[in-house]
Amino acid sequence: MKIIPTLLGLSLAASAIPVAAAQDASTASIPAVLTITREYIKPYKNGMAHDKTETAIAAAFTRAKFPAYYVGLNSMSGRSRGLYLTRYTSFADWEKDNKFIDKNAALNADLERTELADGDLLDGLDSAVLTYDPELSYHPHADVSRARYYEITVFHVRPGHSKDWHTVSKMYRDLMDKANPDAHWATFDVAYGADGGDSISITAINSMTEIDQNNAAFAKVMDAAGGPDGWDKLDKVFGEAVDTYRSELFSVNPKQSYVSDDWIKSDVDFWRPKPARQAPESAAGKPGKPAGKPGQR
């Protein structure tokens, strides 16, 4: 299993929290604790080969009836990597899952076998633990079972400028109230495993059309800020609070996810698609090959 979204990254895209449930928590609730495992994939190993090993890992959790679900994301920008997000109601809740694994010999054996195979495809692996920050979030949606893409923005807040960060975040949320009240995002603070001061906003997107629509809405946000001069003032406060930020886009991979039955029922064709039909046989009785020059793919 397996971090990582312009002031615009706060974000104009319709957003929410992109994680599945753990323990007895509802799959439509916002977690207090979010764990993210990040796998860096070797070049050209991020296709069927990685799907195969991740599917085997998810199958091991399914057989064990593991109580914590996770969503697998694949990078569409930046370095090739997979993110695996699991949510918990508390750190104590997370501890229960750790004990579940410790006491399950069969699951441990399955994970050792499947994760060794998965490791052969990787260049590196790390993880981070985040905690939900309601003051920096805006109308977060908890049920994102139909999300197909995620924008994740990491803001690094300057040391000693946490107050400025909260100030500019509130200024931006006030603009959303005037210009784009349907916007929504969930923001998390780093607790462990990443740079201190990182603030991470996560956006769930059902269709990439939403990105176009929300980018088009920026003109309304600019007007609500008072035009270019007002935006420059907002941008100045932002620059005083944040020294760097980075946005990345990911797609949801159902083959690399371990999700609850209610998520599966929400869209069976996506979460449990029927196997692809085999290619028709050629005149020689062997599967036909697609046309193309040798070496093409």
C-alpha atoms as a PDB file:
ATOM      1  CA  MET A   1       0.000   0.000   0.000  1.00  0.00           C
ATOM      2  CA  LYS A   2       0.843   3.533  -0.144  1.00  0.00           C
ATOM      3  CA  ILE A   3       2.032  12.294  -0.093  1.00  0.00           C
ATOM      4  CA  ILE A   4       1.041  14.588  -1.529  1.00  0.00           C
ATOM      5  CA  PRO A   5      -2.324  20.307  -4.309  1.00  0.00           C
ATOM      6  CA  THR A   6      -1.333  29.376  -6.658  1.00  0.00           C
ATOM      7  CA  LEU A   7      -3.422  30.512  -4.110  1.00  0.00           C
ATOM      8  CA  LEU A   8      -5.809  29.057  -6.626  1.00  0.00           C
ATOM      9  CA  GLY A   9      -4.695  25.726  -5.239  1.00  0.00           C
ATOM     10  CA  LEU A  10      -6.672  26.414  -2.083  1.00  0.00           C
ATOM     11  CA  SER A  11      -8.723  25.398  -4.299  1.00  0.00           C
ATOM     12  CA  LEU A  12     -11.218  26.287  -6.978  1.00  0.00           C
ATOM     13  CA  ALA A  13     -11.864  22.700  -7.949  1.00  0.00           C
ATOM     14  CA  ALA A  14     -14.757  20.999  -6.190  1.00  0.00           C
ATOM     15  CA  SER A  15     -13.041  19.244  -3.364  1.00  0.00           C
ATOM     16  CA  ALA A  16     -13.381  16.983  -0.400  1.00  0.00           C
ATOM     17  CA  ILE A  17     -11.667  14.348   1.628  1.00  0.00           C
ATOM     18  CA  PRO A  18     -10.485  11.398  -0.451  1.00  0.00           C
ATOM     19  CA  VAL A  19     -10.316   8.525   1.924  1.00  0.00           C
ATOM     20  CA  ALA A  20     -12.147   5.401   2.897  1.00  0.00           C
ATOM     21  CA  ALA A  21     -13.388   4.353   6.299  1.00  0.00           C
ATOM     22  CA  ALA A  22     -11.615   2.591   9.117  1.00  0.00           C
ATOM     23  CA  GLN A  23     -13.021   0.534  11.966  1.00  0.00           C
ATOM     24  CA  ASP A  24     -16.642   1.485  12.740  1.00  0.00           C
ATOM     25  CA  ALA A  25     -16.366   4.960  11.261  1.00  0.00           C
ATOM     26  CA  SER A  26     -18.846   5.770   8.506  1.00  0.00           C
ATOM     27  CA  THR A  27     -17.496   5.926   4.982  1.00  0.00           C
ATOM     28  CA  ALA A  28     -19.235   9.299   4.809  1.00  0.00           C
ATOM     29  CA  SER A  29     -17.452  10.910   7.738  1.00  0.00           C
ATOM     30  CA  ILE A  30     -14.415  13.143   7.905  1.00  0.00           C
ATOM     31  CA  PRO A  31     -11.424  11.475   9.570  1.00  0.00           C
ATOM     32  CA  ALA A  32      -9.458  13.070  12.345  1.00  0.00           C
ATOM     33  CA  VAL A  33      -6.334  11.157  11.292  1.00  0.00           C
ATOM     34  CA  LEU A  34      -5.244  10.414   7.730  1.00  0.00           C
ATOM     35  CA  THR A  35      -2.327   8.165   6.830  1.00  0.00           C
ATOM     36  CA  ILE A  36      -0.753   8.367   3.382  1.00  0.00           C
ATOM     37  CA  THR A  37       1.760   5.904   2.003  1.00  0.00           C
ATOM     38  CA  ARG A  38       3.656   7.059  -1.081  1.00  0.00           C
ATOM     39  CA  GLU A  39       5.312   4.626  -3.481  1.00  0.00           C
ATOM     40  CA  TYR A  40       7.757   5.820  -6.130  1.00  0.00           C
ATOM     41  CA  ILE A  41       7.447   3.534  -9.137  1.00  0.00           C
ATOM     42  CA  LYS A  42      10.345   2.502 -11.356  1.00  0.00           C
ATOM     43  CA  PRO A  43      10.088   3.830 -14.935  1.00  0.00           C
ATOM     44  CA  TYR A  44       7.541   1.868 -17.013  1.00  0.00           C
ATOM     45  CA  LYS A  45       6.550  -0.291 -14.052  1.00  0.00           C
ATOM     46  CA  ASN A  46       3.417   1.680 -13.193  1.00  0.00           C
ATOM     47  CA  GLY A  47       0.989  -0.187 -15.445  1.00  0.00           C
ATOM     48  CA  MET A  48      -0.277  -3.757 -15.368  1.00  0.00           C
ATOM     49  CA  ALA A  49       2.681  -4.999 -13.335  1.00  0.00           C
ATOM     50  CA  HIS A  50       1.916  -2.635 -10.472  1.00  0.00           C
ATOM     51  CA  ASP A  51      -1.819  -3.263 -10.772  1.00  0.00           C
ATOM     52  CA  LYS A  52      -1.128  -6.969 -10.314  1.00  0.00           C
ATOM     53  CA  THR A  53       0.855  -6.629  -7.089  1.00  0.00           C
ATOM     54  CA  GLU A  54      -1.506  -4.051  -5.609  1.00  0.00           C
ATOM     55  CA  THR A  55      -4.525  -6.175  -6.471  1.00  0.00           C
ATOM     56  CA  ALA A  56      -2.890  -9.043  -4.598  1.00  0.00           C
ATOM     57  CA  ILE A  57      -2.345  -6.827  -1.549  1.00  0.00           C
ATOM     58  CA  ALA A  58      -5.980  -5.687  -1.605  1.00  0.00           C
ATOM     59  CA  ALA A  59      -7.071  -9.320  -1.937  1.00  0.00           C
ATOM     60  CA  ALA A  60      -5.072 -10.220   1.183  1.00  0.00           C
ATOM     61  CA  PHE A  61      -6.906  -7.542   3.169  1.00  0.00           C
ATOM     62  CA  THR A  62     -10.220  -8.739   1.762  1.00  0.00           C
ATOM     63  CA  ARG A  63      -9.597 -12.343   2.842  1.00  0.00           C
ATOM     64  CA  ALA A  64      -8.654 -11.146   6.319  1.00  0.00           C
ATOM     65  CA  LYS A  65     -11.690  -8.814   6.468  1.00  0.00           C
ATOM     66  CA  PHE A  66      -9.347  -6.029   7.481  1.00  0.00           C
ATOM     67  CA  PRO A  67     -11.457  -3.196   8.976  1.00  0.00           C
ATOM     68  CA  ALA A  68      -9.577  -0.213   7.493  1.00  0.00           C
ATOM     69  CA  TYR A  69     -10.131   0.668   3.834  1.00  0.00           C
ATOM     70  CA  TYR A  70      -7.894   2.699   1.553  1.00  0.00           C
ATOM     71  CA  VAL A  71      -8.021   4.445  -1.807  1.00  0.00           C
ATOM     72  CA  GLY A  72      -5.199   4.006  -4.318  1.00  0.00           C
ATOM     73  CA  LEU A  73      -4.205   6.985  -6.475  1.00  0.00           C
ATOM     74  CA  ASN A  74      -1.826   7.112  -9.446  1.00  0.00           C
ATOM     75  CA  SER A  75       0.067  10.272 -10.405  1.00  0.00           C
ATOM     76  CA  MET A  76      -0.949  12.201 -13.526  1.00  0.00           C
ATOM     77  CA  SER A  77       1.713  14.863 -12.985  1.00  0.00           C
ATOM     78  CA  GLY A  78       5.171  14.937 -11.472  1.00  0.00           C
ATOM     79  CA  ARG A  79       7.180  11.841 -10.674  1.00  0.00           C
ATOM     80  CA  SER A  80       5.590   8.427 -11.205  1.00  0.00           C
ATOM     81  CA  ARG A  81       4.097   7.341  -7.894  1.00  0.00           C
ATOM     82  CA  GLY A  82       1.140   5.823  -6.118  1.00  0.00           C
ATOM     83  CA  LEU A  83      -0.590   7.214  -3.034  1.00  0.00           C
ATOM     84  CA  TYR A  84      -2.594   5.061  -0.624  1.00  0.00           C
ATOM     85  CA  LEU A  85      -4.857   6.917   1.795  1.00  0.00           C
ATOM     86  CA  THR A  86      -6.467   5.480   4.911  1.00  0.00           C
ATOM     87  CA  ARG A  87      -8.537   7.338   7.455  1.00  0.00           C
ATOM     88  CA  TYR A  88      -9.110   6.914  11.173  1.00  0.00           C
ATOM     89  CA  THR A  89     -11.302   8.519  13.802  1.00  0.00           C
ATOM     90  CA  SER A  90      -8.303   8.758  16.169  1.00  0.00           C
ATOM     91  CA  PHE A  91      -4.766   7.499  16.763  1.00  0.00           C
ATOM     92  CA  ALA A  92      -6.248   4.873  19.081  1.00  0.00           C
ATOM     93  CA  ASP A  93      -8.383   3.706  16.159  1.00  0.00           C
ATOM     94  CA  TRP A  94      -5.228   3.315  14.049  1.00  0.00           C
ATOM     95  CA  GLU A  95      -3.603   1.313  16.841  1.00  0.00           C
ATOM     96  CA  LYS A  96      -6.462  -1.213  16.713  1.00  0.00           C
ATOM     97  CA  ASP A  97      -5.656  -1.953  13.087  1.00  0.00           C
ATOM     98  CA  ASN A  98      -1.981  -2.412  13.860  1.00  0.00           C
ATOM     99  CA  LYS A  99      -2.891  -4.957  16.522  1.00  0.00           C
ATOM    100  CA  PHE A 100      -5.246  -6.673  14.076  1.00  0.00           C
ATOM    101  CA  ILE A 101      -2.346  -7.242  11.694  1.00  0.00           C
ATOM    102  CA  ASP A 102       0.033  -8.311  14.460  1.00  0.00           C
ATOM    103  CA  LYS A 103      -2.363 -11.044  15.589  1.00  0.00           C
ATOM    104  CA  ASN A 104      -3.206 -12.365  12.110  1.00  0.00           C
ATOM    105  CA  ALA A 105      -0.501 -14.769  10.976  1.00  0.00           C
ATOM    106  CA  ALA A 106      -2.179 -15.553   7.659  1.00  0.00           C
ATOM    107  CA  LEU A 107      -2.484 -11.870   6.768  1.00  0.00           C
ATOM    108  CA  ASN A 108       1.134 -11.270   7.733  1.00  0.00           C
ATOM    109  CA  ALA A 109       2.265 -14.101   5.478  1.00  0.00           C
ATOM    110  CA  ASP A 110       0.160 -12.806   2.592  1.00  0.00           C
ATOM    111  CA  LEU A 111       1.468  -9.278   3.018  1.00  0.00           C
ATOM    112  CA  GLU A 112       5.092 -10.380   3.212  1.00  0.00           C
ATOM    113  CA  ARG A 113       4.749 -12.323  -0.038  1.00  0.00           C
ATOM    114  CA  THR A 114       2.789  -9.721  -1.974  1.00  0.00           C
ATOM    115  CA  GLU A 115       4.706  -6.688  -0.721  1.00  0.00           C
ATOM    116  CA  LEU A 116       8.047  -8.268  -1.616  1.00  0.00           C
ATOM    117  CA  ALA A 117       6.791  -8.601  -5.185  1.00  0.00           C
ATOM    118  CA  ASP A 118       5.513  -5.036  -5.066  1.00  0.00           C
ATOM    119  CA  GLY A 119       8.858  -3.808  -3.766  1.00  0.00           C
ATOM    120  CA  ASP A 120      10.601  -5.056  -6.910  1.00  0.00           C
ATOM    121  CA  LEU A 121       8.693  -2.390  -8.845  1.00  0.00           C
ATOM    122  CA  LEU A 122       9.565   0.505  -6.563  1.00  0.00           C
ATOM    123  CA  ASP A 123      12.300   3.124  -6.384  1.00  0.00           C
ATOM    124  CA  GLY A 124      11.303   4.204  -2.904  1.00  0.00           C
ATOM    125  CA  LEU A 125       8.567   4.379  -0.313  1.00  0.00           C
ATOM    126  CA  ASP A 126       7.615   6.746   2.497  1.00  0.00           C
ATOM    127  CA  SER A 127       4.592   7.637   4.579  1.00  0.00           C
ATOM    128  CA  ALA A 128       3.072  10.536   6.468  1.00  0.00           C
ATOM    129  CA  VAL A 129       0.428  10.995   9.147  1.00  0.00           C
ATOM    130  CA  LEU A 130      -1.911  13.987   8.934  1.00  0.00           C
ATOM    131  CA  THR A 131      -4.560  15.473  11.200  1.00  0.00           C
ATOM    132  CA  TYR A 132      -7.695  17.232   9.989  1.00  0.00           C
ATOM    133  CA  ASP A 133      -7.787  21.022  10.370  1.00  0.00           C
ATOM    134  CA  PRO A 134     -11.408  22.243  10.196  1.00  0.00           C
ATOM    135  CA  GLU A 135     -10.387  25.923  10.451  1.00  0.00           C
ATOM    136  CA  LEU A 136      -8.499  25.702   7.144  1.00  0.00           C
ATOM    137  CA  SER A 137     -11.131  23.614   5.343  1.00  0.00           C
ATOM    138  CA  TYR A 138     -14.150  24.834   3.379  1.00  0.00           C
ATOM    139  CA  HIS A 139     -17.433  22.933   3.189  1.00  0.00           C
ATOM    140  CA  PRO A 140     -15.648  19.543   3.056  1.00  0.00           C
ATOM    141  CA  HIS A 141     -17.617  16.655   1.592  1.00  0.00           C
ATOM    142  CA  ALA A 142     -17.160  13.337   3.317  1.00  0.00           C
ATOM    143  CA  ASP A 143     -18.715  10.963   0.777  1.00  0.00           C
ATOM    144  CA  VAL A 144     -16.408  10.880  -2.246  1.00  0.00           C
ATOM    145  CA  SER A 145     -17.089   7.360  -3.433  1.00  0.00           C
ATOM    146  CA  ARG A 146     -17.651   8.716  -6.953  1.00  0.00           C
ATOM    147  CA  ALA A 147     -14.483  10.807  -7.068  1.00  0.00           C
ATOM    148  CA  ARG A 148     -12.232   9.779  -9.943  1.00  0.00           C
ATOM    149  CA  TYR A 149      -9.413  12.332  -9.594  1.00  0.00           C
ATOM    150  CA  TYR A 150      -7.673  14.144  -6.762  1.00  0.00           C
ATOM    151  CA  GLU A 151      -5.763  17.385  -6.681  1.00  0.00           C
ATOM    152  CA  ILE A 152      -3.401  17.561  -3.734  1.00  0.00           C
ATOM    153  CA  THR A 153      -1.641  20.807  -2.834  1.00  0.00           C
ATOM    154  CA  VAL A 154       1.132  21.030  -0.275  1.00  0.00           C
ATOM    155  CA  PHE A 155       1.720  24.472   1.206  1.00  0.00           C
ATOM    156  CA  HIS A 156       4.857  24.993   3.275  1.00  0.00           C
ATOM    157  CA  VAL A 157       4.110  27.680   5.844  1.00  0.00           C
ATOM    158  CA  ARG A 158       7.032  29.904   6.819  1.00  0.00           C
ATOM    159  CA  PRO A 159       8.240  29.313  10.388  1.00  0.00           C
ATOM    160  CA  GLY A 160       6.588  31.796  12.715  1.00  0.00           C
ATOM    161  CA  HIS A 161       3.882  32.692  10.171  1.00  0.00           C
ATOM    162  CA  SER A 162       1.102  30.321  11.163  1.00  0.00           C
ATOM    163  CA  LYS A 163      -1.114  33.301  12.049  1.00  0.00           C
ATOM    164  CA  ASP A 164      -0.581  34.791   8.572  1.00  0.00           C
ATOM    165  CA  TRP A 165      -1.507  31.446   7.037  1.00  0.00           C
ATOM    166  CA  HIS A 166      -4.776  31.310   8.964  1.00  0.00           C
ATOM    167  CA  THR A 167      -5.462  34.931   8.021  1.00  0.00           C
ATOM    168  CA  VAL A 168      -5.004  34.451   4.282  1.00  0.00           C
ATOM    169  CA  SER A 169      -6.956  31.186   4.383  1.00  0.00           C
ATOM    170  CA  LYS A 170      -9.901  32.985   5.967  1.00  0.00           C
ATOM    171  CA  MET A 171      -9.629  35.766   3.395  1.00  0.00           C
ATOM    172  CA  TYR A 172      -9.822  33.193   0.630  1.00  0.00           C
ATOM    173  CA  ARG A 173     -12.751  31.353   2.203  1.00  0.00           C
ATOM    174  CA  ASP A 174     -14.590  34.696   2.496  1.00  0.00           C
ATOM    175  CA  LEU A 175     -14.046  35.181  -1.246  1.00  0.00           C
ATOM    176  CA  MET A 176     -15.516  31.739  -1.887  1.00  0.00           C
ATOM    177  CA  ASP A 177     -18.626  32.708   0.072  1.00  0.00           C
ATOM    178  CA  LYS A 178     -19.127  35.584  -2.384  1.00  0.00           C
ATOM    179  CA  ALA A 179     -17.895  34.086  -5.653  1.00  0.00           C
ATOM    180  CA  ASN A 180     -17.975  30.293  -5.520  1.00  0.00           C
ATOM    181  CA  PRO A 181     -19.883  28.943  -2.482  1.00  0.00           C
ATOM    182  CA  ASP A 182     -20.091  25.476  -4.030  1.00  0.00           C
ATOM    183  CA  ALA A 183     -16.316  25.085  -3.666  1.00  0.00           C
ATOM    184  CA  HIS A 184     -15.158  22.700  -0.955  1.00  0.00           C
ATOM    185  CA  TRP A 185     -11.879  21.258   0.285  1.00  0.00           C
ATOM    186  CA  ALA A 186     -10.380  19.476   3.274  1.00  0.00           C
ATOM    187  CA  THR A 187      -7.086  20.620   4.783  1.00  0.00           C
ATOM    188  CA  PHE A 188      -4.746  18.555   6.939  1.00  0.00           C
ATOM    189  CA  ASP A 189      -1.690  19.388   9.021  1.00  0.00           C
ATOM    190  CA  VAL A 190       1.368  17.150   9.098  1.00  0.00           C
ATOM    191  CA  ALA A 191       1.767  15.289  12.375  1.00  0.00           C
ATOM    192  CA  TYR A 192       4.533  12.849  11.396  1.00  0.00           C
ATOM    193  CA  GLY A 193       6.625  11.905   8.396  1.00  0.00           C
ATOM    194  CA  ALA A 194       6.955  15.193   6.471  1.00  0.00           C
ATOM    195  CA  ASP A 195       8.311  18.712   6.902  1.00  0.00           C
ATOM    196  CA  GLY A 196       6.917  20.645   9.834  1.00  0.00           C
ATOM    197  CA  GLY A 197       4.715  23.498   8.708  1.00  0.00           C
ATOM    198  CA  ASP A 198       3.266  21.608   5.755  1.00  0.00           C
ATOM    199  CA  SER A 199      -0.444  22.205   5.235  1.00  0.00           C
ATOM    200  CA  ILE A 200      -2.088  19.856   2.743  1.00  0.00           C
ATOM    201  CA  SER A 201      -5.335  20.580   0.902  1.00  0.00           C
ATOM    202  CA  ILE A 202      -7.052  17.662  -0.802  1.00  0.00           C
ATOM    203  CA  THR A 203      -9.541  18.063  -3.615  1.00  0.00           C
ATOM    204  CA  ALA A 204     -11.793  15.269  -4.896  1.00  0.00           C
ATOM    205  CA  ILE A 205     -12.985  15.636  -8.488  1.00  0.00           C
ATOM    206  CA  ASN A 206     -15.732  13.551 -10.092  1.00  0.00           C
ATOM    207  CA  SER A 207     -14.899  14.666 -13.631  1.00  0.00           C
ATOM    208  CA  MET A 208     -12.076  16.697 -15.139  1.00  0.00           C
ATOM    209  CA  THR A 209     -14.759  18.979 -16.548  1.00  0.00           C
ATOM    210  CA  GLU A 210     -14.943  20.376 -13.025  1.00  0.00           C
ATOM    211  CA  ILE A 211     -11.367  21.616 -13.370  1.00  0.00           C
ATOM    212  CA  ASP A 212     -12.339  23.600 -16.480  1.00  0.00           C
ATOM    213  CA  GLN A 213     -15.464  24.973 -14.809  1.00  0.00           C
ATOM    214  CA  ASN A 214     -13.699  26.039 -11.654  1.00  0.00           C
ATOM    215  CA  ASN A 215     -10.762  27.578 -13.463  1.00  0.00           C
ATOM    216  CA  ALA A 216     -13.312  29.617 -15.424  1.00  0.00           C
ATOM    217  CA  ALA A 217     -14.807  30.775 -12.121  1.00  0.00           C
ATOM    218  CA  PHE A 218     -11.555  32.506 -11.188  1.00  0.00           C
ATOM    219  CA  ALA A 219     -12.774  35.742 -12.780  1.00  0.00           C
ATOM    220  CA  LYS A 220     -15.574  35.894 -10.199  1.00  0.00           C
ATOM    221  CA  VAL A 221     -13.091  35.329  -7.413  1.00  0.00           C
ATOM    222  CA  MET A 222     -10.919  38.149  -8.755  1.00  0.00           C
ATOM    223  CA  ASP A 223     -13.929  40.469  -8.835  1.00  0.00           C
ATOM    224  CA  ALA A 224     -14.883  39.494  -5.283  1.00  0.00           C
ATOM    225  CA  ALA A 225     -11.347  40.371  -4.180  1.00  0.00           C
ATOM    226  CA  GLY A 226     -11.773  43.890  -5.605  1.00  0.00           C
ATOM    227  CA  GLY A 227     -10.063  43.343  -8.938  1.00  0.00           C
ATOM    228  CA  PRO A 228      -6.313  43.100  -9.597  1.00  0.00           C
ATOM    229  CA  ASP A 229      -5.401  45.545  -6.804  1.00  0.00           C
ATOM    230  CA  GLY A 230      -7.400  43.607  -4.233  1.00  0.00           C
ATOM    231  CA  TRP A 231      -5.938  40.339  -5.464  1.00  0.00           C
ATOM    232  CA  ASP A 232      -2.411  41.751  -5.166  1.00  0.00           C
ATOM    233  CA  LYS A 233      -3.090  42.546  -1.497  1.00  0.00           C
ATOM    234  CA  LEU A 234      -4.300  39.000  -0.920  1.00  0.00           C
ATOM    235  CA  ASP A 235      -1.310  37.613  -2.776  1.00  0.00           C
ATOM    236  CA  LYS A 236       1.041  39.694  -0.591  1.00  0.00           C
ATOM    237  CA  VAL A 237      -0.386  38.173   2.590  1.00  0.00           C
ATOM    238  CA  PHE A 238      -0.127  34.744   0.982  1.00  0.00           C
ATOM    239  CA  GLY A 239       3.558  35.328   0.192  1.00  0.00           C
ATOM    240  CA  GLU A 240       4.212  36.384   3.772  1.00  0.00           C
ATOM    241  CA  ALA A 241       2.641  33.162   5.036  1.00  0.00           C
ATOM    242  CA  VAL A 242       3.862  30.562   2.518  1.00  0.00           C
ATOM    243  CA  ASP A 243       7.313  30.148   1.015  1.00  0.00           C
ATOM    244  CA  THR A 244       6.565  27.225  -1.351  1.00  0.00           C
ATOM    245  CA  TYR A 245       3.589  25.257  -2.614  1.00  0.00           C
ATOM    246  CA  ARG A 246       3.097  22.459  -5.111  1.00  0.00           C
ATOM    247  CA  SER A 247      -0.012  21.003  -6.756  1.00  0.00           C
ATOM    248  CA  GLU A 248      -0.285  17.542  -8.288  1.00  0.00           C
ATOM    249  CA  LEU A 249      -3.088  15.649 -10.011  1.00  0.00           C
ATOM    250  CA  PHE A 250      -3.896  11.987  -9.379  1.00  0.00           C
ATOM    251  CA  SER A 251      -6.395   9.501 -10.739  1.00  0.00           C
ATOM    252  CA  VAL A 252      -8.225   6.909  -8.654  1.00  0.00           C
ATOM    253  CA  ASN A 253      -7.184   3.350  -9.483  1.00  0.00           C
ATOM    254  CA  PRO A 254      -9.883   0.841  -8.420  1.00  0.00           C
ATOM    255  CA  LYS A 255      -7.487  -2.084  -8.920  1.00  0.00           C
ATOM    256  CA  GLN A 256      -5.148  -0.603  -6.322  1.00  0.00           C
ATOM    257  CA  SER A 257      -7.871   0.294  -3.820  1.00  0.00           C
ATOM    258  CA  TYR A 258      -9.446  -1.612  -0.938  1.00  0.00           C
ATOM    259  CA  VAL A 259     -12.862  -0.043  -0.405  1.00  0.00           C
ATOM    260  CA  SER A 260     -16.054  -0.829   1.480  1.00  0.00           C
ATOM    261  CA  ASP A 261     -19.121  -2.533   0.057  1.00  0.00           C
ATOM    262  CA  ASP A 262     -21.106   0.709   0.033  1.00  0.00           C
ATOM    263  CA  TRP A 263     -18.453   2.323  -2.160  1.00  0.00           C
ATOM    264  CA  ILE A 264     -18.546  -0.650  -4.526  1.00  0.00           C
ATOM    265  CA  LYS A 265     -22.357  -0.540  -4.726  1.00  0.00           C
ATOM    266  CA  SER A 266     -22.229   3.178  -5.549  1.00  0.00           C
ATOM    267  CA  ASP A 267     -20.605   2.343  -8.919  1.00  0.00           C
ATOM    268  CA  VAL A 268     -20.026  -1.356  -9.518  1.00  0.00           C
ATOM    269  CA  ASP A 269     -18.805  -0.806 -13.068  1.00  0.00           C
ATOM    270  CA  PHE A 270     -15.963   1.362 -11.794  1.00  0.00           C
ATOM    271  CA  TRP A 271     -14.928  -0.440  -8.618  1.00  0.00           C
ATOM    272  CA  ARG A 272     -15.476  -3.989  -9.910  1.00  0.00           C
ATOM    273  CA  PRO A 273     -15.384  -3.831 -13.725  1.00  0.00           C
ATOM    274  CA  LYS A 274     -15.985  -6.973 -15.747  1.00  0.00           C
ATOM    275  CA  PRO A 275     -12.825  -8.569 -17.223  1.00  0.00           C
ATOM    276  CA  ALA A 276     -11.931  -7.334 -20.688  1.00  0.00           C
ATOM    277  CA  ARG A 277     -12.846  -9.638 -23.552  1.00  0.00           C
ATOM    278  CA  GLN A 278     -10.005 -11.589 -25.103  1.00  0.00           C
ATOM    279  CA  ALA A 279      -8.838 -10.701 -28.612  1.00  0.00           C
ATOM    280  CA  PRO A 280     -10.450 -12.824 -31.370  1.00  0.00           C
ATOM    281  CA  GLU A 281      -8.383 -15.663 -32.766  1.00  0.00           C
ATOM    282  CA  SER A 282      -6.627 -15.230 -36.088  1.00  0.00           C
ATOM    283  CA  ALA A 283      -6.975 -17.611 -39.024  1.00  0.00           C
ATOM    284  CA  ALA A 284      -4.059 -19.615 -37.607  1.00  0.00           C
ATOM    285  CA  GLY A 285      -6.029 -20.225 -34.444  1.00  0.00           C
ATOM    286  CA  LYS A 286      -3.956 -17.869 -32.317  1.00  0.00           C
ATOM    287  CA  PRO A 287      -5.024 -14.579 -30.712  1.00  0.00           C
ATOM    288  CA  GLY A 288      -4.860 -11.770 -33.240  1.00  0.00           C
ATOM    289  CA  LYS A 289      -2.281  -9.021 -32.806  1.00  0.00           C
ATOM    290  CA  PRO A 290      -2.997  -5.325 -33.261  1.00  0.00           C
ATOM    291  CA  ALA A 291      -1.643  -3.714 -36.377  1.00  0.00           C
ATOM    292  CA  GLY A 292       1.504  -1.674 -36.064  1.00  0.00           C
ATOM    293  CA  LYS A 293       5.213  -1.650 -36.605  1.00  0.00           C
ATOM    294  CA  PRO A 294       7.500  -3.751 -34.377  1.00  0.00           C
ATOM    295  CA  GLY A 295       8.303  -1.924 -31.172  1.00  0.00           C
ATOM    296  CA  GLN A 296       5.218   0.253 -31.225  1.00  0.00           C
ATOM    297  CA  ARG A 297       2.960   0.344 -28.173  1.00  0.00           C
END
